[in-house]
Amino acid sequence: MISSQQSEAEIERQLRDLKKRYVSDRYIFVPGAEMAELLQHFGARPEDLQELQASGERLDTDPTLSFRRSRSSRYC
């Protein structure tokens, strides 16, 4: 987990670890709080994070699965 007290070296180590997991597993899950702290470290403002969070509420209905909302082209 990242804290606002972490040094640049610690942030770089965290990012290297995330990349290593991604290369190994071909996917990663970064918990929201951890991602928010990373984004804020690189300049995201609280209002940017609120906009990002709200963007999921504006997705189109996926015609292939009624419970899923998506903006990507997975439709057949």
C-alpha atoms as a PDB file:
ATOM      1  CA  MET A   1       0.000   0.000   0.000  1.00  0.00           C
ATOM      2  CA  ILE A   2       1.192   3.488  -0.793  1.00  0.00           C
ATOM      3  CA  SER A   3       1.102   6.278   1.735  1.00  0.00           C
ATOM      4  CA  SER A   4       1.543   9.981   1.166  1.00  0.00           C
ATOM      5  CA  GLN A   5       4.742   9.715   3.189  1.00  0.00           C
ATOM      6  CA  GLN A   6       6.501   7.465   0.672  1.00  0.00           C
ATOM      7  CA  SER A   7       9.651   8.628  -1.041  1.00  0.00           C
ATOM      8  CA  GLU A   8      10.217   8.705  -4.782  1.00  0.00           C
ATOM      9  CA  ALA A   9      12.314   5.536  -4.457  1.00  0.00           C
ATOM     10  CA  GLU A  10       9.460   3.741  -2.707  1.00  0.00           C
ATOM     11  CA  ILE A  11       6.971   4.845  -5.368  1.00  0.00           C
ATOM     12  CA  GLU A  12       9.334   3.628  -8.097  1.00  0.00           C
ATOM     13  CA  ARG A  13       9.687   0.278  -6.322  1.00  0.00           C
ATOM     14  CA  GLN A  14       5.887  -0.005  -6.076  1.00  0.00           C
ATOM     15  CA  LEU A  15       5.513   0.696  -9.796  1.00  0.00           C
ATOM     16  CA  ARG A  16       8.235  -1.831 -10.677  1.00  0.00           C
ATOM     17  CA  ASP A  17       6.432  -4.438  -8.562  1.00  0.00           C
ATOM     18  CA  LEU A  18       3.135  -3.716 -10.319  1.00  0.00           C
ATOM     19  CA  LYS A  19       4.826  -3.990 -13.720  1.00  0.00           C
ATOM     20  CA  LYS A  20       6.513  -7.255 -12.750  1.00  0.00           C
ATOM     21  CA  ARG A  21       3.161  -8.738 -11.686  1.00  0.00           C
ATOM     22  CA  TYR A  22       1.547  -7.537 -14.914  1.00  0.00           C
ATOM     23  CA  VAL A  23       4.276  -9.027 -17.110  1.00  0.00           C
ATOM     24  CA  SER A  24       4.095 -12.297 -15.189  1.00  0.00           C
ATOM     25  CA  ASP A  25       0.312 -12.664 -14.905  1.00  0.00           C
ATOM     26  CA  ARG A  26      -0.801 -10.507 -17.896  1.00  0.00           C
ATOM     27  CA  TYR A  27      -3.202  -8.659 -15.608  1.00  0.00           C
ATOM     28  CA  ILE A  28      -3.141  -6.930 -12.248  1.00  0.00           C
ATOM     29  CA  PHE A  29      -5.734  -5.642  -9.840  1.00  0.00           C
ATOM     30  CA  VAL A  30      -4.808  -2.448  -8.030  1.00  0.00           C
ATOM     31  CA  PRO A  31      -7.219  -1.601  -5.197  1.00  0.00           C
ATOM     32  CA  GLY A  32      -8.941   1.752  -5.641  1.00  0.00           C
ATOM     33  CA  ALA A  33      -7.320   3.434  -2.649  1.00  0.00           C
ATOM     34  CA  GLU A  34      -3.857   2.397  -3.821  1.00  0.00           C
ATOM     35  CA  MET A  35      -4.546   3.566  -7.391  1.00  0.00           C
ATOM     36  CA  ALA A  36      -5.888   6.893  -6.101  1.00  0.00           C
ATOM     37  CA  GLU A  37      -2.706   7.475  -4.100  1.00  0.00           C
ATOM     38  CA  LEU A  38      -0.543   6.638  -7.113  1.00  0.00           C
ATOM     39  CA  LEU A  39      -2.527   8.979  -9.332  1.00  0.00           C
ATOM     40  CA  GLN A  40      -2.344  11.762  -6.764  1.00  0.00           C
ATOM     41  CA  HIS A  41       1.411  11.276  -6.509  1.00  0.00           C
ATOM     42  CA  PHE A  42       1.586  12.030 -10.237  1.00  0.00           C
ATOM     43  CA  GLY A  43      -0.623  15.110 -10.006  1.00  0.00           C
ATOM     44  CA  ALA A  44      -4.243  13.985  -9.991  1.00  0.00           C
ATOM     45  CA  ARG A  45      -6.456  16.258  -7.924  1.00  0.00           C
ATOM     46  CA  PRO A  46      -9.295  15.018  -5.688  1.00  0.00           C
ATOM     47  CA  GLU A  47     -11.829  16.396  -8.199  1.00  0.00           C
ATOM     48  CA  ASP A  48     -10.116  14.402 -10.979  1.00  0.00           C
ATOM     49  CA  LEU A  49     -10.576  11.229  -8.962  1.00  0.00           C
ATOM     50  CA  GLN A  50     -14.238  12.066  -8.322  1.00  0.00           C
ATOM     51  CA  GLU A  51     -14.773  12.523 -12.081  1.00  0.00           C
ATOM     52  CA  LEU A  52     -13.056   9.209 -12.790  1.00  0.00           C
ATOM     53  CA  GLN A  53     -15.226   7.458 -10.213  1.00  0.00           C
ATOM     54  CA  ALA A  54     -18.420   9.003 -11.632  1.00  0.00           C
ATOM     55  CA  SER A  55     -17.540   8.050 -15.225  1.00  0.00           C
ATOM     56  CA  GLY A  56     -18.640   4.470 -14.597  1.00  0.00           C
ATOM     57  CA  GLU A  57     -22.197   5.695 -14.094  1.00  0.00           C
ATOM     58  CA  ARG A  58     -22.335   7.074 -17.648  1.00  0.00           C
ATOM     59  CA  LEU A  59     -21.579   3.874 -19.544  1.00  0.00           C
ATOM     60  CA  ASP A  60     -23.863   2.451 -22.223  1.00  0.00           C
ATOM     61  CA  THR A  61     -25.846  -0.731 -21.667  1.00  0.00           C
ATOM     62  CA  ASP A  62     -24.103  -3.789 -23.084  1.00  0.00           C
ATOM     63  CA  PRO A  63     -26.575  -5.558 -25.409  1.00  0.00           C
ATOM     64  CA  THR A  64     -24.951  -8.960 -24.795  1.00  0.00           C
ATOM     65  CA  LEU A  65     -25.281  -8.951 -20.994  1.00  0.00           C
ATOM     66  CA  SER A  66     -28.062  -6.914 -19.443  1.00  0.00           C
ATOM     67  CA  PHE A  67     -26.255  -6.503 -16.103  1.00  0.00           C
ATOM     68  CA  ARG A  68     -23.070  -5.075 -17.660  1.00  0.00           C
ATOM     69  CA  ARG A  69     -22.424  -1.530 -18.755  1.00  0.00           C
ATOM     70  CA  SER A  70     -19.570  -0.920 -21.144  1.00  0.00           C
ATOM     71  CA  ARG A  71     -18.032   1.614 -23.468  1.00  0.00           C
ATOM     72  CA  SER A  72     -15.825  -0.885 -25.306  1.00  0.00           C
ATOM     73  CA  SER A  73     -16.693  -2.889 -28.406  1.00  0.00           C
ATOM     74  CA  ARG A  74     -17.174  -6.449 -27.186  1.00  0.00           C
ATOM     75  CA  TYR A  75     -20.408  -7.001 -29.030  1.00  0.00           C
ATOM     76  CA  CYS A  76     -20.783  -9.767 -31.610  1.00  0.00           C
END
